[in-house]
Amino acid sequence: MTAMKTETSNETRLREDICRFGRSLFERGLTPGSSGNISVRLDGGGWLVTPTNASLGFLDPAKLSRLDDQGRLMSGDAPTKEVPLHTALYDTRGSARAIVHLHSTHSVALSMLPEIDSRAALPPMTAYYLMKCGATALVPYYRPGDPAVADAIKGLAGKYSSVLLANHGPVVAGDTLEAAVFATEELEETAKLYLLLRGMNPRHLSPEQVADLVKVFGVTLPEHGHERHPTTSS
C-alpha cells in the first residue's frame, strides 16, 4: 500500500512538473502556439506525455496523456503525434527519463543552415553547452508525426541526448525532466550565439579544453562529436 501511494504521489508531482516547466518555456517564447511536447517516464512503467494540439503554456495535469510501455493510451487526452519520436529516443537511450521537444527559433534556424555537420551541429562554443548537451546530431527533415523519424533517431544508436530535426526543432533527453529542460535551453542559447557570430571567425574551445571538460565533468561525446566543424557543407 505504501509503495502504491508513493508511486501515485510521484506521478502527481511529475504531472505538475510537466505543466510548470511547459508554462515557463511557453511564456519565454521558446515554443509558440500549440507547438512542442514533453514526456516523462514513470517508475512503475509507461510514461506521461503532453496531448496533441495542446499549448505548453496552458496544460492541465489531469489531462496529460498516460501511455503504457508500448505507447498505447491508458488515460487522459489523445497524445502528441510525436509519440514515435519520443519512443525511439527512450528505446535507444536507456538513461533517458524525460524528453523535451520544442520549436525554439534559434535552434530551428540552425537546423536550416547548409554548413551544419550532422554529427556535431554546433562547435564547442561554451563549457556549459558541452556539459549539458554533449554533441548535437542533425537528422534530415520529416513531416511532423512521420513514423520514419523514429528510424532516423534509432540510427543514432543512443549516442546523442541532443538532436536537431531539420526545419523543425530540437529534441533533448535527460535523466530528469529538469535536466532535459535545462539542456534544451542551453542548446537554444548556443544556437543563438552561433547565429550571432556566424561569419566572424569566433574562438571556440580548443581540443585540450574540450578534453579537460570530458575528464573533469564526465562529459560523454560521440566519436567525431567535436573533432571538426566544417564551415562549408561537405
Protein backbone atom coordinates (compact mmCIF):
# COMPACT_ATOMS: atom_id res chain seq x y z
CA MET A 1 0.00 0.00 0.00
CA THR A 2 2.80 2.42 0.90
CA ALA A 3 4.62 1.72 -2.38
CA MET A 4 1.42 2.33 -4.33
CA LYS A 5 0.81 5.62 -2.53
CA THR A 6 4.40 6.70 -3.20
CA GLU A 7 4.07 5.83 -6.89
CA THR A 8 0.82 7.83 -7.11
CA SER A 9 2.44 10.75 -5.31
CA ASN A 10 5.43 10.69 -7.69
CA GLU A 11 3.14 10.67 -10.73
CA THR A 12 1.16 13.60 -9.34
CA ARG A 13 4.38 15.55 -8.84
CA LEU A 14 5.60 14.74 -12.35
CA ARG A 15 2.29 15.86 -13.86
CA GLU A 16 2.63 19.18 -12.04
CA ASP A 17 6.29 19.49 -13.08
CA ILE A 18 5.45 18.96 -16.76
CA CYS A 19 2.87 21.74 -16.59
CA ARG A 20 5.17 24.05 -14.63
CA PHE A 21 8.12 23.66 -16.99
CA GLY A 22 5.85 23.77 -20.03
CA ARG A 23 4.40 27.10 -18.93
CA SER A 24 7.87 28.51 -18.29
CA LEU A 25 9.08 27.50 -21.75
CA PHE A 26 5.96 28.92 -23.39
CA GLU A 27 6.00 32.23 -21.51
CA ARG A 28 9.60 32.85 -22.56
CA GLY A 29 8.73 32.32 -26.22
CA LEU A 30 10.67 29.08 -26.63
CA THR A 31 7.81 27.22 -28.26
CA PRO A 32 4.87 29.14 -29.76
CA GLY A 33 1.20 28.27 -30.06
CA SER A 34 0.48 24.57 -29.66
CA SER A 35 3.97 23.52 -30.74
CA GLY A 36 6.35 21.37 -28.73
CA ASN A 37 5.83 18.43 -26.40
CA ILE A 38 7.24 16.98 -23.19
CA SER A 39 7.32 13.42 -21.88
CA VAL A 40 8.48 11.74 -18.67
CA ARG A 41 8.97 8.05 -17.90
CA LEU A 42 7.20 6.65 -14.85
CA ASP A 43 8.95 4.42 -12.33
CA GLY A 44 6.10 1.91 -12.41
CA GLY A 45 6.20 1.59 -16.21
CA GLY A 46 4.80 3.67 -19.04
CA TRP A 47 5.12 7.41 -19.40
CA LEU A 48 3.34 10.74 -19.38
CA VAL A 49 3.27 12.99 -22.45
CA THR A 50 1.60 16.24 -23.39
CA PRO A 51 -1.56 15.94 -25.51
CA THR A 52 -1.92 16.70 -29.19
CA ASN A 53 -2.72 20.30 -30.16
CA ALA A 54 -2.04 21.48 -26.61
CA SER A 55 -0.15 24.67 -25.76
CA LEU A 56 2.67 24.07 -23.30
CA GLY A 57 1.58 27.27 -21.59
CA PHE A 58 -1.87 26.01 -20.64
CA LEU A 59 -1.53 22.34 -19.71
CA ASP A 60 -3.90 20.59 -17.30
CA PRO A 61 -2.16 17.96 -15.11
CA ALA A 62 -5.26 15.74 -15.18
CA LYS A 63 -5.44 15.75 -18.99
CA LEU A 64 -1.87 14.71 -19.73
CA SER A 65 -1.71 11.52 -21.79
CA ARG A 66 -0.66 8.42 -19.84
CA LEU A 67 0.83 5.74 -22.08
CA ASP A 68 1.87 2.18 -21.37
CA ASP A 69 5.30 0.77 -22.24
CA GLN A 70 4.13 0.12 -25.82
CA GLY A 71 2.96 3.71 -26.27
CA ARG A 72 -0.76 2.91 -26.04
CA LEU A 73 -3.05 5.49 -24.46
CA MET A 74 -4.21 4.44 -20.99
CA SER A 75 -5.84 7.66 -19.79
CA GLY A 76 -6.04 11.39 -20.48
CA ASP A 77 -6.37 13.23 -23.77
CA ALA A 78 -5.03 11.90 -27.08
CA PRO A 79 -1.21 12.19 -27.10
CA THR A 80 1.01 14.30 -29.33
CA LYS A 81 1.58 12.99 -32.83
CA GLU A 82 5.29 12.90 -31.96
CA VAL A 83 4.97 9.75 -29.83
CA PRO A 84 7.16 7.74 -32.29
CA LEU A 85 9.92 10.32 -31.85
CA HIS A 86 9.84 10.05 -28.06
CA THR A 87 9.55 6.26 -28.14
CA ALA A 88 12.61 5.89 -30.38
CA LEU A 89 14.75 8.06 -28.10
CA TYR A 90 13.64 6.18 -24.98
CA ASP A 91 14.27 2.83 -26.68
CA THR A 92 17.81 3.69 -27.74
CA ARG A 93 18.94 5.84 -24.82
CA GLY A 94 18.39 3.81 -21.67
CA SER A 95 19.36 6.62 -19.30
CA ALA A 96 16.66 8.94 -20.63
CA ARG A 97 13.87 9.66 -18.15
CA ALA A 98 12.43 12.76 -19.83
CA ILE A 99 12.33 14.31 -23.30
CA VAL A 100 11.66 17.89 -24.37
CA HIS A 101 10.85 18.80 -27.98
CA LEU A 102 10.47 22.48 -28.88
CA HIS A 103 10.18 24.71 -31.94
CA SER A 104 12.59 27.27 -30.48
CA THR A 105 13.55 29.92 -33.04
CA HIS A 106 17.35 29.83 -33.00
CA SER A 107 17.60 26.04 -32.90
CA VAL A 108 15.20 25.77 -35.86
CA ALA A 109 17.22 28.40 -37.73
CA LEU A 110 20.43 26.50 -37.04
CA SER A 111 18.89 23.29 -38.41
CA MET A 112 18.29 25.02 -41.76
CA LEU A 113 21.85 26.19 -42.42
CA PRO A 114 23.75 24.41 -45.22
CA GLU A 115 27.10 24.09 -43.43
CA ILE A 116 25.86 22.18 -40.38
CA ASP A 117 27.68 18.92 -39.65
CA SER A 118 25.12 16.19 -38.95
CA ARG A 119 27.47 14.68 -36.34
CA ALA A 120 28.05 17.95 -34.47
CA ALA A 121 25.52 20.63 -35.34
CA LEU A 122 27.33 23.12 -33.11
CA PRO A 123 31.03 23.61 -32.45
CA PRO A 124 32.33 23.53 -28.84
CA MET A 125 31.46 27.16 -28.13
CA THR A 126 30.98 27.10 -24.34
CA ALA A 127 31.72 24.77 -21.45
CA TYR A 128 28.08 24.62 -20.39
CA TYR A 129 26.91 23.60 -23.86
CA LEU A 130 29.27 20.61 -23.74
CA MET A 131 28.40 19.79 -20.12
CA LYS A 132 24.63 19.83 -20.67
CA CYS A 133 24.24 18.79 -24.31
CA GLY A 134 27.42 16.97 -25.28
CA ALA A 135 27.28 16.98 -29.08
CA THR A 136 24.10 17.59 -31.07
CA ALA A 137 23.15 15.44 -34.04
CA LEU A 138 21.18 16.74 -37.02
CA VAL A 139 18.69 14.40 -38.70
CA PRO A 140 17.01 15.08 -42.06
CA TYR A 141 13.58 16.64 -42.41
CA TYR A 142 10.50 14.50 -41.87
CA ARG A 143 6.97 15.83 -41.66
CA PRO A 144 5.74 16.19 -38.05
CA GLY A 145 4.48 12.88 -36.75
CA ASP A 146 6.05 10.83 -39.55
CA PRO A 147 6.91 7.39 -38.08
CA ALA A 148 10.06 7.41 -40.25
CA VAL A 149 11.63 9.91 -37.85
CA ALA A 150 11.82 7.05 -35.35
CA ASP A 151 14.16 5.16 -37.70
CA ALA A 152 16.37 8.24 -38.00
CA ILE A 153 16.58 8.53 -34.21
CA LYS A 154 17.28 4.82 -33.84
CA GLY A 155 20.07 5.21 -36.40
CA LEU A 156 21.90 7.39 -33.87
CA ALA A 157 22.12 4.30 -31.62
CA GLY A 158 21.58 6.25 -28.41
CA LYS A 159 24.86 8.16 -28.77
CA TYR A 160 23.21 11.59 -28.60
CA SER A 161 20.98 13.09 -25.92
CA SER A 162 20.60 16.24 -28.03
CA VAL A 163 19.16 16.10 -31.56
CA LEU A 164 18.05 18.69 -34.09
CA LEU A 165 15.27 17.80 -36.52
CA ALA A 166 15.95 19.69 -39.75
CA ASN A 167 13.48 22.53 -40.37
CA HIS A 168 11.59 21.52 -37.24
CA GLY A 169 13.31 21.85 -33.88
CA PRO A 170 15.34 20.32 -31.05
CA VAL A 171 14.66 17.07 -29.18
CA VAL A 172 16.60 16.66 -25.95
CA ALA A 173 16.65 13.81 -23.44
CA GLY A 174 17.73 13.98 -19.81
CA ASP A 175 17.95 11.78 -16.76
CA THR A 176 15.37 14.09 -15.14
CA LEU A 177 12.80 16.50 -16.54
CA GLU A 178 14.73 19.42 -15.11
CA ALA A 179 17.94 18.24 -16.81
CA ALA A 180 16.16 17.86 -20.16
CA VAL A 181 14.65 21.35 -19.90
CA PHE A 182 17.94 22.98 -18.89
CA ALA A 183 19.81 21.23 -21.70
CA THR A 184 17.20 22.34 -24.23
CA GLU A 185 17.58 25.92 -23.03
CA GLU A 186 21.38 25.66 -23.28
CA LEU A 187 21.08 24.32 -26.83
CA GLU A 188 18.84 27.25 -27.80
CA GLU A 189 21.24 29.82 -26.31
CA THR A 190 24.22 28.22 -28.04
CA ALA A 191 22.36 28.20 -31.36
CA LYS A 192 21.72 31.91 -30.81
CA LEU A 193 25.42 32.50 -30.18
CA TYR A 194 26.31 30.61 -33.34
CA LEU A 195 23.97 32.73 -35.43
CA LEU A 196 25.22 35.98 -33.84
CA LEU A 197 28.85 35.05 -34.55
CA ARG A 198 28.37 33.34 -37.91
CA GLY A 199 30.98 34.54 -40.38
CA MET A 200 33.03 36.31 -37.71
CA ASN A 201 35.59 33.54 -37.10
CA PRO A 202 34.89 33.24 -33.34
CA ARG A 203 37.25 31.47 -30.95
CA HIS A 204 35.89 28.05 -29.94
CA LEU A 205 37.12 25.81 -27.15
CA SER A 206 40.34 24.08 -28.10
CA PRO A 207 40.65 20.27 -28.24
CA GLU A 208 42.64 20.46 -25.00
CA GLN A 209 39.88 22.46 -23.30
CA VAL A 210 37.26 20.00 -24.53
CA ALA A 211 39.36 17.09 -23.23
CA ASP A 212 39.60 18.81 -19.84
CA LEU A 213 35.79 19.13 -19.63
CA VAL A 214 35.40 15.48 -20.60
CA LYS A 215 37.82 14.44 -17.86
CA VAL A 216 36.60 16.71 -15.05
CA PHE A 217 32.85 16.60 -15.65
CA GLY A 218 32.46 13.19 -17.26
CA VAL A 219 31.09 14.63 -20.49
CA THR A 220 30.26 11.90 -22.99
CA LEU A 221 30.86 12.78 -26.63
CA PRO A 222 30.11 10.53 -29.62
CA GLU A 223 33.07 9.63 -31.78
CA HIS A 224 33.93 12.62 -34.01
CA GLY A 225 31.47 14.67 -31.95
CA HIS A 226 33.69 17.76 -31.81
CA GLU A 227 36.79 16.75 -33.74
CA ARG A 228 35.92 19.12 -36.53
CA HIS A 229 33.25 21.56 -37.53
CA PRO A 230 33.27 22.50 -41.22
CA THR A 231 32.38 25.99 -42.37
CA THR A 232 31.06 24.75 -45.68
CA SER A 233 28.75 21.87 -46.45
CA SER A 234 30.53 18.63 -47.24
